Amino acid sequence: MIKKLLILLIAFLMSSCYTEEKESATKGRLTFQGSDGYQNLAQKEASRFQDLYPEAQFTVIPASTREAIVNMLNDSINLILVDRAMNNEERQVYKKAQLAVQEVKIALDALVILVNARNSITDISLENLKRVLQGQINDWKLLAGSNQSGEIEVTCTGRNSGSFELIQKHLLDSTFTFFPDTILAEQHAIVQHIIKNEFALGVISNACYGSIRSTADSAAVRLLSIGVVDSTNKTHNYYPYQAYIFGGEYPLHYPVYVYVRSDKSELALGFSAFMASAEGQKIIKNYGLVPATMPIRWVQLTQEQL
């Protein structure tokens, strides 16, 4: 009799534990990866979700874009936030393995160009930027507006990063292989490098730049506007303001995606749906990026207001 009671008690305790740990779209534990530059945004989204649903717990792990995608395809991670779409090779992997992968475009962001604040240059044409990145312009004295004379040090994250792939595939000539002068592991490290090096030119995401905008670091670097030639051969300079990213006038824009292993985690599905909802998109807008799933109304400002 005692033995039967013990068995029943153990079975009851096991079923109780299972019930407590059962995951849903708003409950459970989720470890996910955000590519470099987006960890702060990912944490803000996760914190707000937890405010609404206290039984959800999140851990955000930084990774390069390529690493995050590979980890998800290898079953290590069920949700990733990355700064490029999967390429054909990566899509073939999950199709061949018959993995259930859901893609959600949640934002528009942009690459931005930073220089040391002691450099007087304020803008660079898209064509000259391309020539700098390809090594065809390698001295600051060759760029109008710069008070520097010396070799331009192009600084970027490595080839597994979204920034590197965006530059290589969408900005440079197809026959050219991108070789930055300095490769650093993280975008925030690029900001610190530019602060210490007057000849550096760095490429980071607008999301990363937004995270330093209200800090002392923002005064030590200069954000360049990009000059674009229109159909009448007139040049217009654009900063990576949300309206210019949304309208396409700022040329270095790109989409930001969430990928989910939809067959592996209900909480991952619930969290991705939240980021695409009005609440999640408001966080993206307040962060300085352009929401991708909600209607947008921009207010025209005068130059003085800007």
C-alpha atoms as a PDB file:
ATOM      1  CA  MET A   1       0.000   0.000   0.000  1.00  0.00           C
ATOM      2  CA  ILE A   2       2.778   2.402   0.968  1.00  0.00           C
ATOM      3  CA  LYS A   3       4.627   1.516  -2.245  1.00  0.00           C
ATOM      4  CA  LYS A   4       1.532   2.368  -4.323  1.00  0.00           C
ATOM      5  CA  LEU A   5       1.141   5.698  -2.535  1.00  0.00           C
ATOM      6  CA  LEU A   6       4.787   6.547  -3.226  1.00  0.00           C
ATOM      7  CA  ILE A   7       4.366   5.726  -6.912  1.00  0.00           C
ATOM      8  CA  LEU A   8       1.240   7.897  -7.102  1.00  0.00           C
ATOM      9  CA  LEU A   9       3.005  10.740  -5.276  1.00  0.00           C
ATOM     10  CA  ILE A  10       6.000  10.590  -7.641  1.00  0.00           C
ATOM     11  CA  ALA A  11       3.695  10.500 -10.673  1.00  0.00           C
ATOM     12  CA  PHE A  12       1.784  13.505  -9.320  1.00  0.00           C
ATOM     13  CA  LEU A  13       4.984  15.480  -8.707  1.00  0.00           C
ATOM     14  CA  MET A  14       6.302  14.651 -12.184  1.00  0.00           C
ATOM     15  CA  SER A  15       3.063  15.740 -13.838  1.00  0.00           C
ATOM     16  CA  SER A  16       3.053  18.960 -11.777  1.00  0.00           C
ATOM     17  CA  CYS A  17       6.599  19.762 -12.880  1.00  0.00           C
ATOM     18  CA  TYR A  18       5.675  19.091 -16.484  1.00  0.00           C
ATOM     19  CA  THR A  19       2.650  21.374 -16.221  1.00  0.00           C
ATOM     20  CA  GLU A  20       4.726  24.171 -14.698  1.00  0.00           C
ATOM     21  CA  GLU A  21       7.404  23.920 -17.372  1.00  0.00           C
ATOM     22  CA  LYS A  22       5.122  23.503 -20.388  1.00  0.00           C
ATOM     23  CA  GLU A  23       5.856  26.214 -22.924  1.00  0.00           C
ATOM     24  CA  SER A  24       3.318  28.413 -24.677  1.00  0.00           C
ATOM     25  CA  ALA A  25       3.418  31.522 -26.860  1.00  0.00           C
ATOM     26  CA  THR A  26       3.710  33.681 -23.720  1.00  0.00           C
ATOM     27  CA  LYS A  27       5.367  31.344 -21.231  1.00  0.00           C
ATOM     28  CA  GLY A  28       8.664  29.529 -20.942  1.00  0.00           C
ATOM     29  CA  ARG A  29      12.368  30.099 -21.448  1.00  0.00           C
ATOM     30  CA  LEU A  30      13.971  31.212 -24.708  1.00  0.00           C
ATOM     31  CA  THR A  31      17.619  31.745 -25.500  1.00  0.00           C
ATOM     32  CA  PHE A  32      18.039  33.592 -28.785  1.00  0.00           C
ATOM     33  CA  GLN A  33      20.770  35.372 -30.715  1.00  0.00           C
ATOM     34  CA  GLY A  34      20.929  38.931 -31.988  1.00  0.00           C
ATOM     35  CA  SER A  35      23.546  39.838 -34.565  1.00  0.00           C
ATOM     36  CA  ASP A  36      26.106  42.495 -33.730  1.00  0.00           C
ATOM     37  CA  GLY A  37      24.546  45.944 -33.270  1.00  0.00           C
ATOM     38  CA  TYR A  38      21.087  44.644 -32.381  1.00  0.00           C
ATOM     39  CA  GLN A  39      21.539  43.184 -28.897  1.00  0.00           C
ATOM     40  CA  ASN A  40      20.215  46.329 -27.207  1.00  0.00           C
ATOM     41  CA  LEU A  41      17.135  46.367 -29.416  1.00  0.00           C
ATOM     42  CA  ALA A  42      16.588  42.657 -28.777  1.00  0.00           C
ATOM     43  CA  GLN A  43      16.857  43.238 -25.024  1.00  0.00           C
ATOM     44  CA  LYS A  44      14.331  46.098 -25.142  1.00  0.00           C
ATOM     45  CA  GLU A  45      11.861  43.894 -27.026  1.00  0.00           C
ATOM     46  CA  ALA A  46      12.393  41.018 -24.592  1.00  0.00           C
ATOM     47  CA  SER A  47      12.024  43.281 -21.535  1.00  0.00           C
ATOM     48  CA  ARG A  48       8.710  44.681 -22.768  1.00  0.00           C
ATOM     49  CA  PHE A  49       7.426  41.189 -23.577  1.00  0.00           C
ATOM     50  CA  GLN A  50       8.332  40.081 -20.041  1.00  0.00           C
ATOM     51  CA  ASP A  51       6.477  43.101 -18.610  1.00  0.00           C
ATOM     52  CA  LEU A  52       3.362  41.885 -20.394  1.00  0.00           C
ATOM     53  CA  TYR A  53       3.964  38.179 -19.813  1.00  0.00           C
ATOM     54  CA  PRO A  54       5.985  37.626 -16.593  1.00  0.00           C
ATOM     55  CA  GLU A  55       6.199  33.866 -17.099  1.00  0.00           C
ATOM     56  CA  ALA A  56       8.410  34.340 -20.147  1.00  0.00           C
ATOM     57  CA  GLN A  57      12.167  34.473 -19.615  1.00  0.00           C
ATOM     58  CA  PHE A  58      14.755  35.436 -22.237  1.00  0.00           C
ATOM     59  CA  THR A  59      18.504  35.270 -22.637  1.00  0.00           C
ATOM     60  CA  VAL A  60      20.048  37.246 -25.511  1.00  0.00           C
ATOM     61  CA  ILE A  61      23.404  36.012 -26.822  1.00  0.00           C
ATOM     62  CA  PRO A  62      25.452  38.154 -29.239  1.00  0.00           C
ATOM     63  CA  ALA A  63      26.742  36.561 -32.438  1.00  0.00           C
ATOM     64  CA  SER A  64      27.825  37.447 -35.927  1.00  0.00           C
ATOM     65  CA  THR A  65      25.069  37.202 -38.514  1.00  0.00           C
ATOM     66  CA  ARG A  66      26.526  34.107 -40.114  1.00  0.00           C
ATOM     67  CA  GLU A  67      27.051  32.409 -36.735  1.00  0.00           C
ATOM     68  CA  ALA A  68      23.459  33.103 -35.684  1.00  0.00           C
ATOM     69  CA  ILE A  69      22.065  31.621 -38.903  1.00  0.00           C
ATOM     70  CA  VAL A  70      24.299  28.543 -38.702  1.00  0.00           C
ATOM     71  CA  ASN A  71      23.364  27.970 -35.055  1.00  0.00           C
ATOM     72  CA  MET A  72      19.665  28.078 -35.896  1.00  0.00           C
ATOM     73  CA  LEU A  73      20.069  25.675 -38.815  1.00  0.00           C
ATOM     74  CA  ASN A  74      22.059  23.356 -36.533  1.00  0.00           C
ATOM     75  CA  ASP A  75      19.224  23.249 -33.967  1.00  0.00           C
ATOM     76  CA  SER A  76      21.179  25.195 -31.318  1.00  0.00           C
ATOM     77  CA  ILE A  77      18.921  28.284 -31.355  1.00  0.00           C
ATOM     78  CA  ASN A  78      15.228  28.676 -32.164  1.00  0.00           C
ATOM     79  CA  LEU A  79      15.095  32.419 -32.860  1.00  0.00           C
ATOM     80  CA  ILE A  80      17.586  34.892 -34.344  1.00  0.00           C
ATOM     81  CA  LEU A  81      17.474  38.632 -35.108  1.00  0.00           C
ATOM     82  CA  VAL A  82      19.797  39.416 -38.031  1.00  0.00           C
ATOM     83  CA  ASP A  83      20.679  42.230 -40.409  1.00  0.00           C
ATOM     84  CA  ARG A  84      20.295  40.414 -43.705  1.00  0.00           C
ATOM     85  CA  ALA A  85      18.107  37.843 -45.351  1.00  0.00           C
ATOM     86  CA  MET A  86      19.311  34.280 -45.623  1.00  0.00           C
ATOM     87  CA  ASN A  87      21.304  33.722 -48.789  1.00  0.00           C
ATOM     88  CA  ASN A  88      20.571  30.982 -51.322  1.00  0.00           C
ATOM     89  CA  GLU A  89      23.075  28.587 -49.769  1.00  0.00           C
ATOM     90  CA  GLU A  90      21.488  28.908 -46.316  1.00  0.00           C
ATOM     91  CA  ARG A  91      17.971  28.539 -47.704  1.00  0.00           C
ATOM     92  CA  GLN A  92      18.952  25.376 -49.511  1.00  0.00           C
ATOM     93  CA  VAL A  93      20.222  23.918 -46.226  1.00  0.00           C
ATOM     94  CA  TYR A  94      16.909  24.237 -44.400  1.00  0.00           C
ATOM     95  CA  LYS A  95      14.862  23.212 -47.435  1.00  0.00           C
ATOM     96  CA  LYS A  96      16.953  20.090 -47.964  1.00  0.00           C
ATOM     97  CA  ALA A  97      16.705  19.219 -44.258  1.00  0.00           C
ATOM     98  CA  GLN A  98      12.961  20.029 -44.337  1.00  0.00           C
ATOM     99  CA  LEU A  99      13.263  22.439 -41.428  1.00  0.00           C
ATOM    100  CA  ALA A 100      10.301  24.666 -40.614  1.00  0.00           C
ATOM    101  CA  VAL A 101      11.768  28.191 -40.726  1.00  0.00           C
ATOM    102  CA  GLN A 102       9.629  31.318 -40.525  1.00  0.00           C
ATOM    103  CA  GLU A 103      10.954  34.662 -41.829  1.00  0.00           C
ATOM    104  CA  VAL A 104       9.593  37.985 -40.503  1.00  0.00           C
ATOM    105  CA  LYS A 105      10.859  41.358 -41.711  1.00  0.00           C
ATOM    106  CA  ILE A 106      10.575  43.609 -38.657  1.00  0.00           C
ATOM    107  CA  ALA A 107      12.537  46.772 -39.514  1.00  0.00           C
ATOM    108  CA  LEU A 108      14.559  48.812 -41.960  1.00  0.00           C
ATOM    109  CA  ASP A 109      18.024  49.931 -40.913  1.00  0.00           C
ATOM    110  CA  ALA A 110      21.060  51.373 -42.696  1.00  0.00           C
ATOM    111  CA  LEU A 111      24.830  51.294 -42.731  1.00  0.00           C
ATOM    112  CA  VAL A 112      26.361  54.567 -41.531  1.00  0.00           C
ATOM    113  CA  ILE A 113      29.808  56.038 -42.084  1.00  0.00           C
ATOM    114  CA  LEU A 114      31.728  57.426 -39.114  1.00  0.00           C
ATOM    115  CA  VAL A 115      34.996  59.359 -38.895  1.00  0.00           C
ATOM    116  CA  ASN A 116      36.955  60.911 -36.043  1.00  0.00           C
ATOM    117  CA  ALA A 117      35.452  64.230 -34.912  1.00  0.00           C
ATOM    118  CA  ARG A 118      38.784  65.992 -35.566  1.00  0.00           C
ATOM    119  CA  ASN A 119      38.310  65.239 -39.251  1.00  0.00           C
ATOM    120  CA  SER A 120      36.431  68.183 -40.783  1.00  0.00           C
ATOM    121  CA  ILE A 121      34.729  66.175 -43.537  1.00  0.00           C
ATOM    122  CA  THR A 122      30.923  66.212 -43.261  1.00  0.00           C
ATOM    123  CA  ASP A 123      29.764  64.314 -46.331  1.00  0.00           C
ATOM    124  CA  ILE A 124      30.941  61.848 -48.933  1.00  0.00           C
ATOM    125  CA  SER A 125      29.381  60.972 -52.267  1.00  0.00           C
ATOM    126  CA  LEU A 126      28.167  57.422 -52.771  1.00  0.00           C
ATOM    127  CA  GLU A 127      30.622  57.026 -55.647  1.00  0.00           C
ATOM    128  CA  ASN A 128      33.580  58.263 -53.589  1.00  0.00           C
ATOM    129  CA  LEU A 129      32.585  55.996 -50.696  1.00  0.00           C
ATOM    130  CA  LYS A 130      32.613  53.054 -53.077  1.00  0.00           C
ATOM    131  CA  ARG A 131      36.063  54.089 -54.330  1.00  0.00           C
ATOM    132  CA  VAL A 132      37.366  54.413 -50.766  1.00  0.00           C
ATOM    133  CA  LEU A 133      36.099  50.951 -49.845  1.00  0.00           C
ATOM    134  CA  GLN A 134      37.714  49.528 -52.991  1.00  0.00           C
ATOM    135  CA  GLY A 135      41.022  51.248 -52.253  1.00  0.00           C
ATOM    136  CA  GLN A 136      40.888  53.526 -55.291  1.00  0.00           C
ATOM    137  CA  ILE A 137      40.889  56.575 -52.975  1.00  0.00           C
ATOM    138  CA  ASN A 138      43.302  55.923 -50.124  1.00  0.00           C
ATOM    139  CA  ASP A 139      44.295  59.375 -48.790  1.00  0.00           C
ATOM    140  CA  TRP A 140      42.110  61.864 -46.937  1.00  0.00           C
ATOM    141  CA  LYS A 141      43.529  64.775 -48.933  1.00  0.00           C
ATOM    142  CA  LEU A 142      41.731  63.391 -51.998  1.00  0.00           C
ATOM    143  CA  LEU A 143      38.309  63.915 -50.383  1.00  0.00           C
ATOM    144  CA  ALA A 144      36.729  67.363 -50.393  1.00  0.00           C
ATOM    145  CA  GLY A 145      36.063  68.797 -46.950  1.00  0.00           C
ATOM    146  CA  SER A 146      38.679  66.796 -45.072  1.00  0.00           C
ATOM    147  CA  ASN A 147      41.447  68.605 -43.204  1.00  0.00           C
ATOM    148  CA  GLN A 148      43.431  65.387 -42.869  1.00  0.00           C
ATOM    149  CA  SER A 149      46.339  64.259 -45.019  1.00  0.00           C
ATOM    150  CA  GLY A 150      47.173  60.614 -44.616  1.00  0.00           C
ATOM    151  CA  GLU A 151      46.094  57.095 -45.461  1.00  0.00           C
ATOM    152  CA  ILE A 152      42.410  56.312 -44.955  1.00  0.00           C
ATOM    153  CA  GLU A 153      41.984  53.362 -42.581  1.00  0.00           C
ATOM    154  CA  VAL A 154      38.785  51.529 -43.525  1.00  0.00           C
ATOM    155  CA  THR A 155      37.421  49.717 -40.465  1.00  0.00           C
ATOM    156  CA  CYS A 156      34.651  47.122 -40.461  1.00  0.00           C
ATOM    157  CA  THR A 157      33.530  43.910 -38.791  1.00  0.00           C
ATOM    158  CA  GLY A 158      34.585  40.557 -40.303  1.00  0.00           C
ATOM    159  CA  ARG A 159      33.256  38.582 -43.243  1.00  0.00           C
ATOM    160  CA  ASN A 160      30.745  36.669 -41.097  1.00  0.00           C
ATOM    161  CA  SER A 161      29.006  39.930 -40.184  1.00  0.00           C
ATOM    162  CA  GLY A 162      25.998  41.363 -41.955  1.00  0.00           C
ATOM    163  CA  SER A 163      27.817  44.679 -42.516  1.00  0.00           C
ATOM    164  CA  PHE A 164      30.637  42.982 -44.415  1.00  0.00           C
ATOM    165  CA  GLU A 165      28.252  41.021 -46.633  1.00  0.00           C
ATOM    166  CA  LEU A 166      26.077  44.066 -47.323  1.00  0.00           C
ATOM    167  CA  ILE A 167      29.122  46.055 -48.437  1.00  0.00           C
ATOM    168  CA  GLN A 168      30.504  43.215 -50.539  1.00  0.00           C
ATOM    169  CA  LYS A 169      27.288  42.238 -52.317  1.00  0.00           C
ATOM    170  CA  HIS A 170      25.312  45.463 -52.599  1.00  0.00           C
ATOM    171  CA  LEU A 171      27.789  48.351 -52.681  1.00  0.00           C
ATOM    172  CA  LEU A 172      30.995  47.261 -54.410  1.00  0.00           C
ATOM    173  CA  ASP A 173      31.707  46.013 -57.915  1.00  0.00           C
ATOM    174  CA  SER A 174      30.971  42.310 -58.260  1.00  0.00           C
ATOM    175  CA  THR A 175      34.563  41.620 -59.338  1.00  0.00           C
ATOM    176  CA  PHE A 176      36.046  43.312 -56.248  1.00  0.00           C
ATOM    177  CA  THR A 177      36.764  41.501 -52.961  1.00  0.00           C
ATOM    178  CA  PHE A 178      36.410  43.723 -49.904  1.00  0.00           C
ATOM    179  CA  PHE A 179      39.545  43.926 -47.745  1.00  0.00           C
ATOM    180  CA  PRO A 180      39.134  46.398 -44.830  1.00  0.00           C
ATOM    181  CA  ASP A 181      42.353  47.786 -43.382  1.00  0.00           C
ATOM    182  CA  THR A 182      41.185  46.929 -39.863  1.00  0.00           C
ATOM    183  CA  ILE A 183      38.722  44.195 -38.917  1.00  0.00           C
ATOM    184  CA  LEU A 184      37.178  44.255 -35.443  1.00  0.00           C
ATOM    185  CA  ALA A 185      34.882  41.767 -33.753  1.00  0.00           C
ATOM    186  CA  GLU A 186      32.098  44.195 -32.757  1.00  0.00           C
ATOM    187  CA  GLN A 187      30.615  47.434 -34.040  1.00  0.00           C
ATOM    188  CA  HIS A 188      31.050  49.157 -30.677  1.00  0.00           C
ATOM    189  CA  ALA A 189      34.758  48.348 -30.937  1.00  0.00           C
ATOM    190  CA  ILE A 190      34.779  50.182 -34.281  1.00  0.00           C
ATOM    191  CA  VAL A 191      33.392  53.302 -32.562  1.00  0.00           C
ATOM    192  CA  GLN A 192      36.158  53.161 -29.936  1.00  0.00           C
ATOM    193  CA  HIS A 193      38.766  52.646 -32.641  1.00  0.00           C
ATOM    194  CA  ILE A 194      37.564  55.703 -34.571  1.00  0.00           C
ATOM    195  CA  ILE A 195      37.678  57.824 -31.408  1.00  0.00           C
ATOM    196  CA  LYS A 196      41.364  56.964 -31.018  1.00  0.00           C
ATOM    197  CA  ASN A 197      42.376  57.172 -34.712  1.00  0.00           C
ATOM    198  CA  GLU A 198      42.070  60.382 -36.719  1.00  0.00           C
ATOM    199  CA  PHE A 199      42.541  58.606 -40.057  1.00  0.00           C
ATOM    200  CA  ALA A 200      39.915  55.887 -39.527  1.00  0.00           C
ATOM    201  CA  LEU A 201      36.677  55.555 -41.484  1.00  0.00           C
ATOM    202  CA  GLY A 202      34.263  53.076 -39.949  1.00  0.00           C
ATOM    203  CA  VAL A 203      31.144  51.291 -41.185  1.00  0.00           C
ATOM    204  CA  ILE A 204      28.524  50.330 -38.585  1.00  0.00           C
ATOM    205  CA  SER A 205      24.744  49.992 -38.420  1.00  0.00           C
ATOM    206  CA  ASN A 206      22.469  52.898 -37.640  1.00  0.00           C
ATOM    207  CA  ALA A 207      21.160  50.747 -34.777  1.00  0.00           C
ATOM    208  CA  CYS A 208      24.630  50.680 -33.222  1.00  0.00           C
ATOM    209  CA  TYR A 209      25.102  54.414 -33.776  1.00  0.00           C
ATOM    210  CA  GLY A 210      21.748  55.048 -32.109  1.00  0.00           C
ATOM    211  CA  SER A 211      22.968  53.279 -28.976  1.00  0.00           C
ATOM    212  CA  ILE A 212      25.795  55.846 -28.543  1.00  0.00           C
ATOM    213  CA  ARG A 213      23.864  58.928 -29.687  1.00  0.00           C
ATOM    214  CA  SER A 214      23.193  60.154 -26.148  1.00  0.00           C
ATOM    215  CA  THR A 215      26.653  59.271 -24.807  1.00  0.00           C
ATOM    216  CA  ALA A 216      29.979  61.090 -24.749  1.00  0.00           C
ATOM    217  CA  ASP A 217      31.208  58.847 -27.574  1.00  0.00           C
ATOM    218  CA  SER A 218      28.878  60.567 -30.056  1.00  0.00           C
ATOM    219  CA  ALA A 219      30.788  63.848 -29.631  1.00  0.00           C
ATOM    220  CA  ALA A 220      34.079  62.133 -30.466  1.00  0.00           C
ATOM    221  CA  VAL A 221      32.926  60.807 -33.850  1.00  0.00           C
ATOM    222  CA  ARG A 222      31.300  62.415 -36.878  1.00  0.00           C
ATOM    223  CA  LEU A 223      28.426  60.916 -38.862  1.00  0.00           C
ATOM    224  CA  LEU A 224      28.776  61.579 -42.594  1.00  0.00           C
ATOM    225  CA  SER A 225      25.896  62.304 -44.924  1.00  0.00           C
ATOM    226  CA  ILE A 226      25.894  60.437 -48.235  1.00  0.00           C
ATOM    227  CA  GLY A 227      25.733  62.338 -51.522  1.00  0.00           C
ATOM    228  CA  VAL A 228      23.465  60.876 -54.195  1.00  0.00           C
ATOM    229  CA  VAL A 229      23.264  62.162 -57.791  1.00  0.00           C
ATOM    230  CA  ASP A 230      19.731  62.492 -59.189  1.00  0.00           C
ATOM    231  CA  SER A 231      18.533  62.223 -62.791  1.00  0.00           C
ATOM    232  CA  THR A 232      19.402  65.896 -63.437  1.00  0.00           C
ATOM    233  CA  ASN A 233      22.988  65.324 -62.259  1.00  0.00           C
ATOM    234  CA  LYS A 234      22.373  67.282 -59.055  1.00  0.00           C
ATOM    235  CA  THR A 235      23.834  65.925 -55.805  1.00  0.00           C
ATOM    236  CA  HIS A 236      21.673  65.628 -52.684  1.00  0.00           C
ATOM    237  CA  ASN A 237      23.187  64.768 -49.297  1.00  0.00           C
ATOM    238  CA  TYR A 238      21.219  62.537 -46.953  1.00  0.00           C
ATOM    239  CA  TYR A 239      21.738  61.527 -43.336  1.00  0.00           C
ATOM    240  CA  PRO A 240      20.322  58.198 -42.108  1.00  0.00           C
ATOM    241  CA  TYR A 241      17.156  59.771 -40.717  1.00  0.00           C
ATOM    242  CA  GLN A 242      14.180  57.434 -40.470  1.00  0.00           C
ATOM    243  CA  ALA A 243      12.227  59.262 -43.187  1.00  0.00           C
ATOM    244  CA  TYR A 244      15.143  59.051 -45.641  1.00  0.00           C
ATOM    245  CA  ILE A 245      15.662  55.359 -44.885  1.00  0.00           C
ATOM    246  CA  PHE A 246      11.945  54.674 -45.338  1.00  0.00           C
ATOM    247  CA  GLY A 247      11.765  56.666 -48.575  1.00  0.00           C
ATOM    248  CA  GLY A 248      14.960  55.169 -49.969  1.00  0.00           C
ATOM    249  CA  GLU A 249      16.740  58.517 -50.363  1.00  0.00           C
ATOM    250  CA  TYR A 250      19.482  57.376 -47.998  1.00  0.00           C
ATOM    251  CA  PRO A 251      21.120  54.724 -50.172  1.00  0.00           C
ATOM    252  CA  LEU A 252      22.681  52.341 -47.625  1.00  0.00           C
ATOM    253  CA  HIS A 253      19.426  50.960 -46.218  1.00  0.00           C
ATOM    254  CA  TYR A 254      18.569  47.295 -45.686  1.00  0.00           C
ATOM    255  CA  PRO A 255      15.900  45.134 -43.980  1.00  0.00           C
ATOM    256  CA  VAL A 256      16.253  43.484 -40.572  1.00  0.00           C
ATOM    257  CA  TYR A 257      14.790  40.009 -40.087  1.00  0.00           C
ATOM    258  CA  VAL A 258      13.697  37.632 -37.377  1.00  0.00           C
ATOM    259  CA  TYR A 259      13.969  33.935 -38.214  1.00  0.00           C
ATOM    260  CA  VAL A 260      12.154  31.322 -36.131  1.00  0.00           C
ATOM    261  CA  ARG A 261      12.267  27.544 -36.015  1.00  0.00           C
ATOM    262  CA  SER A 262       8.491  27.446 -36.004  1.00  0.00           C
ATOM    263  CA  ASP A 263       8.348  23.712 -35.280  1.00  0.00           C
ATOM    264  CA  LYS A 264      10.572  23.930 -32.191  1.00  0.00           C
ATOM    265  CA  SER A 265       9.309  26.678 -29.872  1.00  0.00           C
ATOM    266  CA  GLU A 266       5.888  28.181 -29.231  1.00  0.00           C
ATOM    267  CA  LEU A 267       7.491  30.991 -27.219  1.00  0.00           C
ATOM    268  CA  ALA A 268       9.763  31.862 -30.152  1.00  0.00           C
ATOM    269  CA  LEU A 269       6.679  32.147 -32.363  1.00  0.00           C
ATOM    270  CA  GLY A 270       4.901  34.286 -29.780  1.00  0.00           C
ATOM    271  CA  PHE A 271       7.892  36.585 -29.349  1.00  0.00           C
ATOM    272  CA  SER A 272       8.389  37.028 -33.102  1.00  0.00           C
ATOM    273  CA  ALA A 273       4.692  37.889 -33.457  1.00  0.00           C
ATOM    274  CA  PHE A 274       5.108  40.472 -30.681  1.00  0.00           C
ATOM    275  CA  MET A 275       8.044  42.153 -32.451  1.00  0.00           C
ATOM    276  CA  ALA A 276       5.915  42.432 -35.577  1.00  0.00           C
ATOM    277  CA  SER A 277       2.918  43.785 -33.632  1.00  0.00           C
ATOM    278  CA  ALA A 278       2.090  47.436 -32.959  1.00  0.00           C
ATOM    279  CA  GLU A 279       3.706  47.239 -29.513  1.00  0.00           C
ATOM    280  CA  GLY A 280       6.925  45.720 -30.818  1.00  0.00           C
ATOM    281  CA  GLN A 281       7.068  48.051 -33.816  1.00  0.00           C
ATOM    282  CA  LYS A 282       6.741  51.069 -31.517  1.00  0.00           C
ATOM    283  CA  ILE A 283       9.925  49.941 -29.748  1.00  0.00           C
ATOM    284  CA  ILE A 284      11.667  49.719 -33.139  1.00  0.00           C
ATOM    285  CA  LYS A 285      10.508  53.211 -34.118  1.00  0.00           C
ATOM    286  CA  ASN A 286      11.616  54.702 -30.789  1.00  0.00           C
ATOM    287  CA  TYR A 287      14.973  52.991 -31.208  1.00  0.00           C
ATOM    288  CA  GLY A 288      15.579  54.972 -34.400  1.00  0.00           C
ATOM    289  CA  LEU A 289      14.843  52.286 -36.969  1.00  0.00           C
ATOM    290  CA  VAL A 290      11.960  52.118 -39.438  1.00  0.00           C
ATOM    291  CA  PRO A 291       9.089  49.759 -38.556  1.00  0.00           C
ATOM    292  CA  ALA A 292       8.436  47.223 -41.301  1.00  0.00           C
ATOM    293  CA  THR A 293       4.990  45.852 -40.508  1.00  0.00           C
ATOM    294  CA  MET A 294       2.972  48.908 -39.441  1.00  0.00           C
ATOM    295  CA  PRO A 295       1.701  51.965 -41.355  1.00  0.00           C
ATOM    296  CA  ILE A 296       4.010  54.970 -40.952  1.00  0.00           C
ATOM    297  CA  ARG A 297       3.192  58.670 -40.895  1.00  0.00           C
ATOM    298  CA  TRP A 298       6.151  61.034 -41.152  1.00  0.00           C
ATOM    299  CA  VAL A 299       5.946  64.728 -40.263  1.00  0.00           C
ATOM    300  CA  GLN A 300       7.881  67.043 -42.584  1.00  0.00           C
ATOM    301  CA  LEU A 301      10.383  69.160 -40.646  1.00  0.00           C
ATOM    302  CA  THR A 302      12.139  72.325 -41.751  1.00  0.00           C
ATOM    303  CA  GLN A 303      15.939  72.430 -41.956  1.00  0.00           C
ATOM    304  CA  GLU A 304      15.990  74.589 -38.800  1.00  0.00           C
ATOM    305  CA  GLN A 305      14.059  71.926 -36.877  1.00  0.00           C
ATOM    306  CA  LEU A 306      16.526  69.265 -38.017  1.00  0.00           C
END
